[in-house]
Each structure stands twice: as C-alpha cells, then as structure tokens.
Amino acid sequence: MANSASGMSVDDECKLRFVELKAKRNFRYIIFKVEEKLQQVTIEKLGQPNESYDDFTASLPENECRYAVYDFDFITAENCQKSKIFFIAWSPDTSRIRSKMVYASTKDRFKRELDGIQVELQATDPSEMSLDIVKSRAF
C-alpha cells in the first residue's frame, strides 16, 4: 500500500524481518533503505546477534539517509536483563535534500508498519545517536 504523501510502499520482507528481530532475536539490527526507483522501502542490511552498537553505526552510510531498528540490551538498576527496540531515522546533514525530504515524508507511515518500536531517535550526526544517548533513552 503506497503512502499518499510520498508514494512509497513497504516491502513485506521489512515487516517479516522486523518480527524476527522482535520475537526470535535473530538480528541485532536492520537497516532499511528507500529505493526511489522502486518507490519502496527495502532491507539494506541485517545485523547478526553478536554484532555491537559500533558495528551498527559503522553500517550507516556517511552521506545518505536510512531508517534502522536496533535491539538494545541493557541491565536495569534492579539487575534485570531488558531489551528495547529503537527506531532510528538517520538523515545526515551531508545527504541530498531530495533524499531528506523523501525519508521525512515516508517515516511515520513506515514506522507504523513496524509494530513494537519503543524508542525513536532522529539523528543528523553520529553524536546524536551515541551509545550514551541510547542508554539514557532506554531507562
């Protein structure tokens, strides 16, 4: 189903892999890309469960927008193992203006397709999604 604002649809694979990340924990993260020629959001990379947050941030392109979900594990003050799923809208200042507009107009609809997101981050620079920021938003 295409989004009337941007005309983008969401590949079913995006939803299937997100459910696997959420329920089975088969992936640490998923990076999504808007394929403008296909008018569709697709998967660019699946992060394996043993990959770190640094591996994840290194997978985001320096000059191009992306969406990503990251399954963040942490231990609470009560010593309980927890996990939160972050949705990250990566829109670096150096990316093309058209790309920023497409990602901005598609974001809310795409996010609705991924049921179970707990925290959203918008980042234009790596410092805006540092591990410290992720930790502070998880608690």
Protein backbone atom coordinates (compact mmCIF):
# COMPACT_ATOMS: atom_id res chain seq x y z
CA MET A 1 0.00 0.00 0.00
CA ALA A 2 1.66 3.23 -1.11
CA ASN A 3 1.84 6.26 1.13
CA SER A 4 -0.13 9.09 -0.46
CA ALA A 5 2.39 11.72 0.65
CA SER A 6 5.49 10.03 -0.73
CA GLY A 7 4.10 7.22 -2.89
CA MET A 8 6.36 4.72 -1.09
CA SER A 9 5.33 1.19 -0.27
CA VAL A 10 6.99 -1.12 2.26
CA ASP A 11 8.46 -4.43 1.11
CA ASP A 12 6.87 -7.34 3.05
CA GLU A 13 10.38 -8.57 3.83
CA CYS A 14 10.85 -5.47 6.06
CA LYS A 15 7.92 -6.48 8.24
CA LEU A 16 8.87 -10.18 8.33
CA ARG A 17 12.47 -9.50 9.39
CA PHE A 18 11.32 -6.96 12.00
CA VAL A 19 9.04 -9.59 13.56
CA GLU A 20 12.02 -11.99 13.63
CA LEU A 21 14.18 -9.34 15.35
CA LYS A 22 11.43 -8.66 17.88
CA ALA A 23 10.25 -12.21 18.64
CA LYS A 24 13.15 -14.52 17.85
CA ARG A 25 16.03 -12.07 18.25
CA ASN A 26 17.61 -13.41 15.04
CA PHE A 27 19.11 -9.98 14.32
CA ARG A 28 20.71 -7.21 16.39
CA TYR A 29 19.65 -4.54 13.90
CA ILE A 30 18.10 -3.93 10.50
CA ILE A 31 18.99 -1.07 8.16
CA PHE A 32 16.30 -0.02 5.70
CA LYS A 33 16.73 1.95 2.50
CA VAL A 34 14.22 3.84 0.38
CA GLU A 35 14.57 2.60 -3.20
CA GLU A 36 13.30 5.65 -5.08
CA LYS A 37 13.16 3.87 -8.46
CA LEU A 38 11.03 1.08 -6.97
CA GLN A 39 9.05 3.51 -4.78
CA GLN A 40 9.60 1.08 -1.93
CA VAL A 41 11.34 0.72 1.44
CA THR A 42 13.62 -2.34 1.39
CA ILE A 43 16.19 -4.01 3.66
CA GLU A 44 19.80 -2.98 3.11
CA LYS A 45 21.49 -4.94 5.91
CA LEU A 46 20.67 -7.43 8.64
CA GLY A 47 22.98 -7.26 11.67
CA GLN A 48 23.83 -10.58 13.30
CA PRO A 49 23.01 -11.06 17.02
CA ASN A 50 26.69 -10.92 18.01
CA GLU A 51 27.31 -7.53 16.34
CA SER A 52 27.92 -4.48 18.54
CA TYR A 53 26.45 -1.00 18.53
CA ASP A 54 29.68 0.19 16.87
CA ASP A 55 29.16 -2.36 14.07
CA PHE A 56 25.66 -0.97 13.64
CA THR A 57 26.69 2.71 13.47
CA ALA A 58 29.55 1.84 11.09
CA SER A 59 26.97 0.28 8.75
CA LEU A 60 25.10 3.57 8.27
CA PRO A 61 26.30 5.50 5.21
CA GLU A 62 28.05 8.78 5.90
CA ASN A 63 26.19 10.83 3.27
CA GLU A 64 22.86 9.03 2.75
CA CYS A 65 19.64 8.76 4.73
CA ARG A 66 18.45 5.45 6.19
CA TYR A 67 15.97 4.04 8.66
CA ALA A 68 17.14 1.49 11.17
CA VAL A 69 15.91 -0.55 14.09
CA TYR A 70 18.28 -1.63 16.83
CA ASP A 71 17.57 -4.17 19.57
CA PHE A 72 19.33 -2.68 22.59
CA ASP A 73 20.07 -4.97 25.56
CA PHE A 74 20.72 -3.47 28.97
CA ILE A 75 20.62 -4.27 32.68
CA THR A 76 18.40 -2.20 34.96
CA ALA A 77 19.36 -0.81 38.38
CA GLU A 78 17.46 -3.80 39.83
CA ASN A 79 19.84 -6.08 37.89
CA CYS A 80 17.16 -7.23 35.39
CA GLN A 81 18.08 -8.02 31.79
CA LYS A 82 15.93 -5.88 29.47
CA SER A 83 15.76 -5.00 25.81
CA LYS A 84 14.24 -2.07 23.91
CA ILE A 85 13.76 -1.69 20.19
CA PHE A 86 14.94 1.66 18.88
CA PHE A 87 13.81 3.18 15.59
CA ILE A 88 16.49 5.49 14.21
CA ALA A 89 15.87 7.94 11.40
CA TRP A 90 19.37 8.66 10.06
CA SER A 91 19.44 11.83 7.99
CA PRO A 92 22.98 13.24 7.83
CA ASP A 93 23.42 16.94 7.06
CA THR A 94 25.55 15.95 4.05
CA SER A 95 22.82 13.89 2.35
CA ARG A 96 20.88 15.19 -0.66
CA ILE A 97 17.93 17.48 0.10
CA ARG A 98 15.58 15.37 -2.03
CA SER A 99 16.61 12.27 -0.09
CA LYS A 100 15.96 14.01 3.24
CA MET A 101 12.51 15.04 2.02
CA VAL A 102 11.63 11.51 0.84
CA TYR A 103 12.76 9.95 4.11
CA ALA A 104 10.94 12.58 6.19
CA SER A 105 7.67 12.14 4.29
CA THR A 106 7.83 8.32 4.46
CA LYS A 107 8.97 7.92 8.08
CA ASP A 108 5.70 7.93 10.00
CA ARG A 109 3.92 5.51 7.72
CA PHE A 110 6.93 3.18 7.62
CA LYS A 111 7.22 3.28 11.41
CA ARG A 112 3.55 2.28 11.76
CA GLU A 113 4.31 -0.88 9.77
CA LEU A 114 6.81 -1.96 12.45
CA ASP A 115 4.69 -2.79 15.47
CA GLY A 116 6.76 -2.90 18.65
CA ILE A 117 9.10 0.08 18.40
CA GLN A 118 9.68 1.51 21.88
CA VAL A 119 12.02 4.48 21.34
CA GLU A 120 12.59 6.78 18.37
CA LEU A 121 15.75 8.74 17.64
CA GLN A 122 16.29 11.28 14.89
CA ALA A 123 19.97 11.72 14.05
CA THR A 124 21.75 14.03 11.61
CA ASP A 125 25.18 13.38 13.07
CA PRO A 126 26.74 10.30 14.78
CA SER A 127 26.90 12.18 18.10
CA GLU A 128 23.08 12.38 18.14
CA MET A 129 22.85 8.58 18.38
CA SER A 130 25.84 7.80 20.56
CA LEU A 131 25.68 4.78 22.84
CA ASP A 132 25.34 7.13 25.83
CA ILE A 133 22.21 8.70 24.29
CA VAL A 134 20.76 5.25 23.52
CA LYS A 135 21.42 4.14 27.11
CA SER A 136 19.81 7.28 28.56
CA ARG A 137 16.70 6.81 26.38
CA ALA A 138 16.42 3.11 27.29
CA PHE A 139 15.96 3.72 31.03
